[in-house]
Amino acid sequence: QANPMLGILQSLVVGMPSRSAFARIFQFGMRHGMRSYTMGASWWA
């Protein structure tokens, strides 16, 4: 609402708690991998 020329606003998506060992371990690493990466990429993109 505050930015009428903003067409798409993407949230930073993280994994839900999971019963699956695969999903649990994968999203733990993915979550940490996305934190600084997304901030850095957004700085210049």
All heavy atoms as atom14 arrays in JSON, in Angstrom:
{
  "sequence": "QANPMLGILQSLVVGMPSRSAFARIFQFGMRHGMRSYTMGASWWA",
  "atom14_mask": [
    [1, 1, 1, 1, 1, 1, 1, 1, 1, 0, 0, 0, 0, 0],
    [1, 1, 1, 1, 1, 0, 0, 0, 0, 0, 0, 0, 0, 0],
    [1, 1, 1, 1, 1, 1, 1, 1, 0, 0, 0, 0, 0, 0],
    [1, 1, 1, 1, 1, 1, 1, 0, 0, 0, 0, 0, 0, 0],
    [1, 1, 1, 1, 1, 1, 1, 1, 0, 0, 0, 0, 0, 0],
    [1, 1, 1, 1, 1, 1, 1, 1, 0, 0, 0, 0, 0, 0],
    [1, 1, 1, 1, 0, 0, 0, 0, 0, 0, 0, 0, 0, 0],
    [1, 1, 1, 1, 1, 1, 1, 1, 0, 0, 0, 0, 0, 0],
    [1, 1, 1, 1, 1, 1, 1, 1, 0, 0, 0, 0, 0, 0],
    [1, 1, 1, 1, 1, 1, 1, 1, 1, 0, 0, 0, 0, 0],
    [1, 1, 1, 1, 1, 1, 0, 0, 0, 0, 0, 0, 0, 0],
    [1, 1, 1, 1, 1, 1, 1, 1, 0, 0, 0, 0, 0, 0],
    [1, 1, 1, 1, 1, 1, 1, 0, 0, 0, 0, 0, 0, 0],
    [1, 1, 1, 1, 1, 1, 1, 0, 0, 0, 0, 0, 0, 0],
    [1, 1, 1, 1, 0, 0, 0, 0, 0, 0, 0, 0, 0, 0],
    [1, 1, 1, 1, 1, 1, 1, 1, 0, 0, 0, 0, 0, 0],
    [1, 1, 1, 1, 1, 1, 1, 0, 0, 0, 0, 0, 0, 0],
    [1, 1, 1, 1, 1, 1, 0, 0, 0, 0, 0, 0, 0, 0],
    [1, 1, 1, 1, 1, 1, 1, 1, 1, 1, 1, 0, 0, 0],
    [1, 1, 1, 1, 1, 1, 0, 0, 0, 0, 0, 0, 0, 0],
    [1, 1, 1, 1, 1, 0, 0, 0, 0, 0, 0, 0, 0, 0],
    [1, 1, 1, 1, 1, 1, 1, 1, 1, 1, 1, 0, 0, 0],
    [1, 1, 1, 1, 1, 0, 0, 0, 0, 0, 0, 0, 0, 0],
    [1, 1, 1, 1, 1, 1, 1, 1, 1, 1, 1, 0, 0, 0],
    [1, 1, 1, 1, 1, 1, 1, 1, 0, 0, 0, 0, 0, 0],
    [1, 1, 1, 1, 1, 1, 1, 1, 1, 1, 1, 0, 0, 0],
    [1, 1, 1, 1, 1, 1, 1, 1, 1, 0, 0, 0, 0, 0],
    [1, 1, 1, 1, 1, 1, 1, 1, 1, 1, 1, 0, 0, 0],
    [1, 1, 1, 1, 0, 0, 0, 0, 0, 0, 0, 0, 0, 0],
    [1, 1, 1, 1, 1, 1, 1, 1, 0, 0, 0, 0, 0, 0],
    [1, 1, 1, 1, 1, 1, 1, 1, 1, 1, 1, 0, 0, 0],
    [1, 1, 1, 1, 1, 1, 1, 1, 1, 1, 0, 0, 0, 0],
    [1, 1, 1, 1, 0, 0, 0, 0, 0, 0, 0, 0, 0, 0],
    [1, 1, 1, 1, 1, 1, 1, 1, 0, 0, 0, 0, 0, 0],
    [1, 1, 1, 1, 1, 1, 1, 1, 1, 1, 1, 0, 0, 0],
    [1, 1, 1, 1, 1, 1, 0, 0, 0, 0, 0, 0, 0, 0],
    [1, 1, 1, 1, 1, 1, 1, 1, 1, 1, 1, 1, 0, 0],
    [1, 1, 1, 1, 1, 1, 1, 0, 0, 0, 0, 0, 0, 0],
    [1, 1, 1, 1, 1, 1, 1, 1, 0, 0, 0, 0, 0, 0],
    [1, 1, 1, 1, 0, 0, 0, 0, 0, 0, 0, 0, 0, 0],
    [1, 1, 1, 1, 1, 0, 0, 0, 0, 0, 0, 0, 0, 0],
    [1, 1, 1, 1, 1, 1, 0, 0, 0, 0, 0, 0, 0, 0],
    [1, 1, 1, 1, 1, 1, 1, 1, 1, 1, 1, 1, 1, 1],
    [1, 1, 1, 1, 1, 1, 1, 1, 1, 1, 1, 1, 1, 1],
    [1, 1, 1, 1, 1, 0, 0, 0, 0, 0, 0, 0, 0, 0]
  ],
  "atom14_positions": [
    [[0.82, -1.21, 0.0], [0.0, 0.0, 0.0], [0.85, 1.26, 0.0], [0.52, 2.25, -0.66], [-0.9, 0.01, 1.24], [-2.05, -0.98, 1.2], [-2.93, -0.89, 2.43], [-4.01, -1.48, 2.47], [-2.51, -0.18, 3.46], [0.0, 0.0, 0.0], [0.0, 0.0, 0.0], [0.0, 0.0, 0.0], [0.0, 0.0, 0.0], [0.0, 0.0, 0.0]],
    [[1.96, 1.23, 0.73], [2.81, 2.41, 0.85], [3.69, 2.63, -0.38], [4.29, 3.7, -0.51], [3.7, 2.29, 2.09], [0.0, 0.0, 0.0], [0.0, 0.0, 0.0], [0.0, 0.0, 0.0], [0.0, 0.0, 0.0], [0.0, 0.0, 0.0], [0.0, 0.0, 0.0], [0.0, 0.0, 0.0], [0.0, 0.0, 0.0], [0.0, 0.0, 0.0]],
    [[3.76, 1.64, -1.26], [4.63, 1.72, -2.44], [3.83, 1.35, -3.69], [3.87, 0.19, -4.14], [5.83, 0.78, -2.3], [6.75, 1.15, -1.15], [7.65, 1.96, -1.3], [6.52, 0.54, 0.01], [0.0, 0.0, 0.0], [0.0, 0.0, 0.0], [0.0, 0.0, 0.0], [0.0, 0.0, 0.0], [0.0, 0.0, 0.0], [0.0, 0.0, 0.0]],
    [[3.1, 2.29, -4.26], [2.23, 1.98, -5.4], [2.97, 1.42, -6.62], [2.34, 0.78, -7.47], [1.57, 3.33, -5.73], [1.7, 4.13, -4.48], [2.97, 3.69, -3.83], [0.0, 0.0, 0.0], [0.0, 0.0, 0.0], [0.0, 0.0, 0.0], [0.0, 0.0, 0.0], [0.0, 0.0, 0.0], [0.0, 0.0, 0.0], [0.0, 0.0, 0.0]],
    [[4.27, 1.66, -6.72], [5.04, 1.16, -7.86], [5.78, -0.15, -7.53], [6.66, -0.55, -8.27], [6.03, 2.22, -8.35], [5.37, 3.46, -8.9], [4.17, 3.08, -10.21], [5.24, 2.42, -11.49], [0.0, 0.0, 0.0], [0.0, 0.0, 0.0], [0.0, 0.0, 0.0], [0.0, 0.0, 0.0], [0.0, 0.0, 0.0], [0.0, 0.0, 0.0]],
    [[5.4, -0.77, -6.45], [5.93, -2.08, -6.11], [4.97, -3.13, -6.66], [3.83, -3.22, -6.24], [6.07, -2.2, -4.59], [6.71, -3.47, -4.02], [8.07, -3.75, -4.64], [6.83, -3.36, -2.5], [0.0, 0.0, 0.0], [0.0, 0.0, 0.0], [0.0, 0.0, 0.0], [0.0, 0.0, 0.0], [0.0, 0.0, 0.0], [0.0, 0.0, 0.0]],
    [[5.45, -3.92, -7.61], [4.58, -4.87, -8.3], [4.5, -6.22, -7.63], [3.44, -6.85, -7.59], [0.0, 0.0, 0.0], [0.0, 0.0, 0.0], [0.0, 0.0, 0.0], [0.0, 0.0, 0.0], [0.0, 0.0, 0.0], [0.0, 0.0, 0.0], [0.0, 0.0, 0.0], [0.0, 0.0, 0.0], [0.0, 0.0, 0.0], [0.0, 0.0, 0.0]],
    [[5.64, -6.71, -7.13], [5.69, -8.01, -6.45], [6.55, -7.85, -5.21], [7.67, -7.34, -5.29], [6.26, -9.12, -7.35], [5.42, -9.31, -8.61], [6.36, -10.44, -6.58], [5.99, -10.34, -9.59], [0.0, 0.0, 0.0], [0.0, 0.0, 0.0], [0.0, 0.0, 0.0], [0.0, 0.0, 0.0], [0.0, 0.0, 0.0], [0.0, 0.0, 0.0]],
    [[6.04, -8.3, -4.09], [6.8, -8.32, -2.84], [6.89, -9.76, -2.36], [5.89, -10.35, -1.95], [6.16, -7.43, -1.78], [6.87, -7.39, -0.42], [8.32, -6.95, -0.56], [6.13, -6.5, 0.55], [0.0, 0.0, 0.0], [0.0, 0.0, 0.0], [0.0, 0.0, 0.0], [0.0, 0.0, 0.0], [0.0, 0.0, 0.0], [0.0, 0.0, 0.0]],
    [[8.08, -10.32, -2.42], [8.32, -11.71, -2.04], [8.8, -11.77, -0.6], [9.74, -11.07, -0.21], [9.38, -12.33, -2.96], [9.82, -13.72, -2.59], [8.72, -14.73, -2.77], [8.2, -14.92, -3.86], [8.33, -15.4, -1.69], [0.0, 0.0, 0.0], [0.0, 0.0, 0.0], [0.0, 0.0, 0.0], [0.0, 0.0, 0.0], [0.0, 0.0, 0.0]],
    [[8.16, -12.61, 0.21], [8.65, -12.82, 1.57], [9.77, -13.86, 1.56], [9.89, -14.66, 0.63], [7.51, -13.29, 2.47], [7.04, -14.58, 2.06], [0.0, 0.0, 0.0], [0.0, 0.0, 0.0], [0.0, 0.0, 0.0], [0.0, 0.0, 0.0], [0.0, 0.0, 0.0], [0.0, 0.0, 0.0], [0.0, 0.0, 0.0], [0.0, 0.0, 0.0]],
    [[10.6, -13.82, 2.58], [11.64, -14.82, 2.75], [11.01, -16.05, 3.4], [10.58, -16.01, 4.54], [12.77, -14.27, 3.63], [13.97, -15.19, 3.87], [14.64, -15.56, 2.55], [14.98, -14.52, 4.79], [0.0, 0.0, 0.0], [0.0, 0.0, 0.0], [0.0, 0.0, 0.0], [0.0, 0.0, 0.0], [0.0, 0.0, 0.0], [0.0, 0.0, 0.0]],
    [[10.93, -17.14, 2.65], [10.2, -18.33, 3.07], [11.14, -19.29, 3.79], [12.26, -19.54, 3.33], [9.56, -19.04, 1.86], [8.6, -20.12, 2.33], [8.85, -18.04, 0.96], [0.0, 0.0, 0.0], [0.0, 0.0, 0.0], [0.0, 0.0, 0.0], [0.0, 0.0, 0.0], [0.0, 0.0, 0.0], [0.0, 0.0, 0.0], [0.0, 0.0, 0.0]],
    [[10.69, -19.83, 4.92], [11.49, -20.81, 5.67], [10.65, -22.07, 5.86], [9.43, -22.06, 5.72], [11.95, -20.26, 7.03], [12.84, -19.05, 6.85], [10.76, -19.91, 7.91], [0.0, 0.0, 0.0], [0.0, 0.0, 0.0], [0.0, 0.0, 0.0], [0.0, 0.0, 0.0], [0.0, 0.0, 0.0], [0.0, 0.0, 0.0], [0.0, 0.0, 0.0]],
    [[11.34, -23.17, 6.16], [10.68, -24.45, 6.3], [9.98, -24.6, 7.64], [10.45, -24.13, 8.67], [0.0, 0.0, 0.0], [0.0, 0.0, 0.0], [0.0, 0.0, 0.0], [0.0, 0.0, 0.0], [0.0, 0.0, 0.0], [0.0, 0.0, 0.0], [0.0, 0.0, 0.0], [0.0, 0.0, 0.0], [0.0, 0.0, 0.0], [0.0, 0.0, 0.0]],
    [[8.84, -25.28, 7.62], [8.12, -25.59, 8.86], [8.85, -26.71, 9.61], [9.57, -27.5, 9.02], [6.72, -26.08, 8.54], [5.81, -25.1, 7.88], [4.19, -25.88, 7.69], [3.5, -24.83, 6.41], [0.0, 0.0, 0.0], [0.0, 0.0, 0.0], [0.0, 0.0, 0.0], [0.0, 0.0, 0.0], [0.0, 0.0, 0.0], [0.0, 0.0, 0.0]],
    [[8.64, -26.79, 10.91], [9.12, -27.97, 11.65], [8.57, -29.24, 10.99], [7.42, -29.28, 10.56], [8.54, -27.77, 13.05], [8.38, -26.28, 13.16], [8.0, -25.81, 11.8], [0.0, 0.0, 0.0], [0.0, 0.0, 0.0], [0.0, 0.0, 0.0], [0.0, 0.0, 0.0], [0.0, 0.0, 0.0], [0.0, 0.0, 0.0], [0.0, 0.0, 0.0]],
    [[9.42, -30.26, 10.92], [9.04, -31.46, 10.17], [9.36, -32.72, 10.96], [10.33, -32.77, 11.72], [9.79, -31.49, 8.83], [9.53, -32.69, 8.13], [0.0, 0.0, 0.0], [0.0, 0.0, 0.0], [0.0, 0.0, 0.0], [0.0, 0.0, 0.0], [0.0, 0.0, 0.0], [0.0, 0.0, 0.0], [0.0, 0.0, 0.0], [0.0, 0.0, 0.0]],
    [[8.54, -33.76, 10.74], [8.8, -35.07, 11.31], [9.86, -35.83, 10.5], [10.4, -36.82, 10.97], [7.51, -35.89, 11.34], [6.48, -35.42, 12.35], [5.19, -36.21, 12.15], [4.24, -35.99, 13.24], [3.01, -36.49, 13.23], [2.6, -37.22, 12.22], [2.2, -36.26, 14.24], [0.0, 0.0, 0.0], [0.0, 0.0, 0.0], [0.0, 0.0, 0.0]],
    [[10.06, -35.41, 9.26], [10.99, -36.09, 8.36], [12.42, -35.7, 8.67], [12.74, -34.51, 8.77], [10.66, -35.73, 6.91], [11.76, -35.94, 6.06], [0.0, 0.0, 0.0], [0.0, 0.0, 0.0], [0.0, 0.0, 0.0], [0.0, 0.0, 0.0], [0.0, 0.0, 0.0], [0.0, 0.0, 0.0], [0.0, 0.0, 0.0], [0.0, 0.0, 0.0]],
    [[13.3, -36.7, 8.8], [14.72, -36.41, 9.04], [15.31, -35.66, 7.85], [16.07, -34.7, 8.03], [15.49, -37.7, 9.29], [0.0, 0.0, 0.0], [0.0, 0.0, 0.0], [0.0, 0.0, 0.0], [0.0, 0.0, 0.0], [0.0, 0.0, 0.0], [0.0, 0.0, 0.0], [0.0, 0.0, 0.0], [0.0, 0.0, 0.0], [0.0, 0.0, 0.0]],
    [[14.95, -36.07, 6.64], [15.49, -35.42, 5.44], [15.11, -33.94, 5.42], [15.97, -33.06, 5.26], [14.99, -36.11, 4.18], [15.54, -35.52, 2.91], [16.7, -36.02, 2.34], [14.9, -34.46, 2.28], [17.21, -35.47, 1.18], [15.4, -33.89, 1.13], [16.56, -34.4, 0.57], [0.0, 0.0, 0.0], [0.0, 0.0, 0.0], [0.0, 0.0, 0.0]],
    [[13.81, -33.66, 5.55], [13.35, -32.27, 5.51], [13.93, -31.47, 6.65], [14.33, -30.31, 6.48], [11.83, -32.22, 5.54], [0.0, 0.0, 0.0], [0.0, 0.0, 0.0], [0.0, 0.0, 0.0], [0.0, 0.0, 0.0], [0.0, 0.0, 0.0], [0.0, 0.0, 0.0], [0.0, 0.0, 0.0], [0.0, 0.0, 0.0], [0.0, 0.0, 0.0]],
    [[14.0, -32.07, 7.82], [14.5, -31.38, 9.0], [15.94, -30.92, 8.82], [16.28, -29.76, 9.08], [14.37, -32.33, 10.19], [14.77, -31.75, 11.52], [14.7, -32.82, 12.61], [14.92, -32.24, 13.92], [13.98, -31.72, 14.68], [12.74, -31.73, 14.26], [14.27, -31.19, 15.86], [0.0, 0.0, 0.0], [0.0, 0.0, 0.0], [0.0, 0.0, 0.0]],
    [[16.8, -31.82, 8.37], [18.21, -31.49, 8.2], [18.39, -30.52, 7.03], [19.14, -29.54, 7.12], [19.05, -32.75, 8.0], [18.89, -33.7, 9.19], [20.53, -32.4, 7.82], [19.5, -35.08, 8.97], [0.0, 0.0, 0.0], [0.0, 0.0, 0.0], [0.0, 0.0, 0.0], [0.0, 0.0, 0.0], [0.0, 0.0, 0.0], [0.0, 0.0, 0.0]],
    [[17.69, -30.8, 5.93], [17.83, -29.94, 4.75], [17.44, -28.5, 5.05], [18.17, -27.56, 4.71], [16.99, -30.49, 3.6], [16.92, -29.56, 2.42], [17.97, -29.47, 1.53], [15.81, -28.73, 2.23], [17.91, -28.58, 0.45], [15.74, -27.86, 1.17], [16.8, -27.78, 0.28], [0.0, 0.0, 0.0], [0.0, 0.0, 0.0], [0.0, 0.0, 0.0]],
    [[16.28, -28.31, 5.67], [15.83, -26.93, 5.87], [16.62, -26.21, 6.95], [16.7, -24.97, 6.94], [14.34, -26.9, 6.17], [13.89, -27.57, 7.45], [12.39, -27.84, 7.44], [11.76, -28.04, 6.4], [11.77, -27.83, 8.61], [0.0, 0.0, 0.0], [0.0, 0.0, 0.0], [0.0, 0.0, 0.0], [0.0, 0.0, 0.0], [0.0, 0.0, 0.0]],
    [[17.25, -26.95, 7.88], [18.15, -26.31, 8.84], [19.31, -25.65, 8.09], [19.64, -24.48, 8.33], [18.67, -27.36, 9.83], [19.6, -26.8, 10.88], [19.09, -26.24, 12.03], [20.98, -26.86, 10.72], [19.94, -25.72, 13.02], [21.83, -26.36, 11.69], [21.32, -25.79, 12.83], [0.0, 0.0, 0.0], [0.0, 0.0, 0.0], [0.0, 0.0, 0.0]],
    [[19.93, -26.38, 7.15], [21.01, -25.8, 6.37], [20.53, -24.74, 5.4], [21.18, -23.7, 5.23], [0.0, 0.0, 0.0], [0.0, 0.0, 0.0], [0.0, 0.0, 0.0], [0.0, 0.0, 0.0], [0.0, 0.0, 0.0], [0.0, 0.0, 0.0], [0.0, 0.0, 0.0], [0.0, 0.0, 0.0], [0.0, 0.0, 0.0], [0.0, 0.0, 0.0]],
    [[19.39, -24.99, 4.78], [18.85, -24.03, 3.81], [18.52, -22.71, 4.48], [18.76, -21.64, 3.93], [17.6, -24.63, 3.17], [16.98, -23.77, 2.09], [18.03, -23.74, 0.61], [16.98, -22.81, -0.51], [0.0, 0.0, 0.0], [0.0, 0.0, 0.0], [0.0, 0.0, 0.0], [0.0, 0.0, 0.0], [0.0, 0.0, 0.0], [0.0, 0.0, 0.0]],
    [[17.99, -22.79, 5.69], [17.61, -21.56, 6.39], [18.83, -20.7, 6.67], [18.81, -19.49, 6.46], [16.9, -21.92, 7.69], [16.39, -20.72, 8.46], [15.32, -21.13, 9.43], [14.75, -20.02, 10.14], [13.61, -20.09, 10.84], [12.93, -21.23, 10.88], [13.13, -19.04, 11.48], [0.0, 0.0, 0.0], [0.0, 0.0, 0.0], [0.0, 0.0, 0.0]],
    [[19.9, -21.33, 7.14], [21.11, -20.56, 7.39], [21.73, -20.08, 6.08], [22.28, -18.97, 6.01], [22.1, -21.4, 8.19], [21.62, -21.73, 9.57], [21.21, -20.76, 10.46], [21.46, -22.9, 10.21], [20.82, -21.32, 11.58], [20.95, -22.63, 11.46], [0.0, 0.0, 0.0], [0.0, 0.0, 0.0], [0.0, 0.0, 0.0], [0.0, 0.0, 0.0]],
    [[21.66, -20.91, 5.05], [22.21, -20.51, 3.76], [21.51, -19.31, 3.15], [22.11, -18.53, 2.41], [0.0, 0.0, 0.0], [0.0, 0.0, 0.0], [0.0, 0.0, 0.0], [0.0, 0.0, 0.0], [0.0, 0.0, 0.0], [0.0, 0.0, 0.0], [0.0, 0.0, 0.0], [0.0, 0.0, 0.0], [0.0, 0.0, 0.0], [0.0, 0.0, 0.0]],
    [[20.21, -19.15, 3.47], [19.44, -18.06, 2.87], [19.59, -16.74, 3.61], [19.32, -15.68, 3.04], [17.96, -18.44, 2.83], [17.62, -19.53, 1.83], [17.82, -18.99, 0.13], [16.42, -17.87, -0.05], [0.0, 0.0, 0.0], [0.0, 0.0, 0.0], [0.0, 0.0, 0.0], [0.0, 0.0, 0.0], [0.0, 0.0, 0.0], [0.0, 0.0, 0.0]],
    [[19.99, -16.77, 4.86], [19.96, -15.55, 5.68], [20.86, -14.46, 5.1], [20.4, -13.4, 4.67], [20.4, -15.88, 7.11], [19.47, -16.79, 7.86], [20.08, -17.28, 9.16], [20.14, -16.23, 10.16], [19.24, -16.05, 11.1], [18.2, -16.85, 11.16], [19.38, -15.1, 12.0], [0.0, 0.0, 0.0], [0.0, 0.0, 0.0], [0.0, 0.0, 0.0]],
    [[22.14, -14.68, 5.11], [23.08, -13.67, 4.6], [23.02, -13.58, 3.09], [23.17, -12.49, 2.52], [24.5, -14.0, 5.06], [24.6, -13.94, 6.46], [0.0, 0.0, 0.0], [0.0, 0.0, 0.0], [0.0, 0.0, 0.0], [0.0, 0.0, 0.0], [0.0, 0.0, 0.0], [0.0, 0.0, 0.0], [0.0, 0.0, 0.0], [0.0, 0.0, 0.0]],
    [[22.81, -14.72, 2.42], [22.78, -14.72, 0.95], [21.7, -13.78, 0.42], [21.96, -12.96, -0.47], [22.53, -16.15, 0.45], [22.5, -16.29, -1.05], [23.61, -16.72, -1.74], [21.34, -15.99, -1.79], [23.59, -16.85, -3.13], [21.31, -16.11, -3.16], [22.44, -16.54, -3.83], [22.42, -16.66, -5.2], [0.0, 0.0, 0.0], [0.0, 0.0, 0.0]],
    [[20.49, -13.89, 0.95], [19.4, -13.06, 0.46], [19.63, -11.59, 0.75], [19.32, -10.72, -0.08], [18.07, -13.52, 1.07], [17.89, -14.91, 0.8], [16.9, -12.75, 0.5], [0.0, 0.0, 0.0], [0.0, 0.0, 0.0], [0.0, 0.0, 0.0], [0.0, 0.0, 0.0], [0.0, 0.0, 0.0], [0.0, 0.0, 0.0], [0.0, 0.0, 0.0]],
    [[20.18, -11.3, 1.92], [20.48, -9.91, 2.25], [21.52, -9.35, 1.28], [21.36, -8.22, 0.76], [20.99, -9.8, 3.69], [21.2, -8.37, 4.17], [19.67, -7.42, 4.31], [18.96, -8.17, 5.79], [0.0, 0.0, 0.0], [0.0, 0.0, 0.0], [0.0, 0.0, 0.0], [0.0, 0.0, 0.0], [0.0, 0.0, 0.0], [0.0, 0.0, 0.0]],
    [[22.57, -10.11, 1.03], [23.6, -9.65, 0.11], [23.1, -9.49, -1.3], [23.39, -8.5, -1.98], [0.0, 0.0, 0.0], [0.0, 0.0, 0.0], [0.0, 0.0, 0.0], [0.0, 0.0, 0.0], [0.0, 0.0, 0.0], [0.0, 0.0, 0.0], [0.0, 0.0, 0.0], [0.0, 0.0, 0.0], [0.0, 0.0, 0.0], [0.0, 0.0, 0.0]],
    [[22.32, -10.45, -1.77], [21.78, -10.38, -3.13], [20.82, -9.2, -3.28], [20.81, -8.51, -4.31], [21.09, -11.68, -3.49], [0.0, 0.0, 0.0], [0.0, 0.0, 0.0], [0.0, 0.0, 0.0], [0.0, 0.0, 0.0], [0.0, 0.0, 0.0], [0.0, 0.0, 0.0], [0.0, 0.0, 0.0], [0.0, 0.0, 0.0], [0.0, 0.0, 0.0]],
    [[20.01, -8.95, -2.25], [19.05, -7.84, -2.32], [19.75, -6.49, -2.35], [19.22, -5.52, -2.9], [18.11, -7.9, -1.11], [17.4, -9.11, -1.08], [0.0, 0.0, 0.0], [0.0, 0.0, 0.0], [0.0, 0.0, 0.0], [0.0, 0.0, 0.0], [0.0, 0.0, 0.0], [0.0, 0.0, 0.0], [0.0, 0.0, 0.0], [0.0, 0.0, 0.0]],
    [[20.93, -6.41, -1.75], [21.68, -5.15, -1.7], [22.0, -4.64, -3.1], [21.95, -3.43, -3.35], [22.96, -5.38, -0.91], [23.87, -4.19, -0.79], [23.7, -3.1, 0.01], [25.11, -3.98, -1.48], [24.74, -2.23, -0.13], [25.64, -2.75, -1.05], [25.82, -4.73, -2.41], [26.83, -2.25, -1.52], [27.02, -4.24, -2.89], [27.52, -3.0, -2.45]],
    [[22.32, -5.56, -4.02], [22.68, -5.1, -5.37], [21.61, -5.38, -6.42], [21.54, -4.68, -7.44], [24.01, -5.7, -5.82], [24.07, -7.21, -5.84], [24.43, -8.02, -4.83], [23.77, -8.05, -6.96], [24.37, -9.34, -5.23], [23.97, -9.38, -6.53], [23.35, -7.81, -8.27], [23.76, -10.48, -7.37], [23.14, -8.9, -9.11], [23.35, -10.22, -8.66]],
    [[20.73, -6.38, -6.19], [19.65, -6.63, -7.15], [18.6, -5.53, -7.07], [18.02, -5.13, -8.08], [19.03, -8.0, -6.89], [0.0, 0.0, 0.0], [0.0, 0.0, 0.0], [0.0, 0.0, 0.0], [0.0, 0.0, 0.0], [0.0, 0.0, 0.0], [0.0, 0.0, 0.0], [0.0, 0.0, 0.0], [0.0, 0.0, 0.0], [0.0, 0.0, 0.0]]
  ]
}
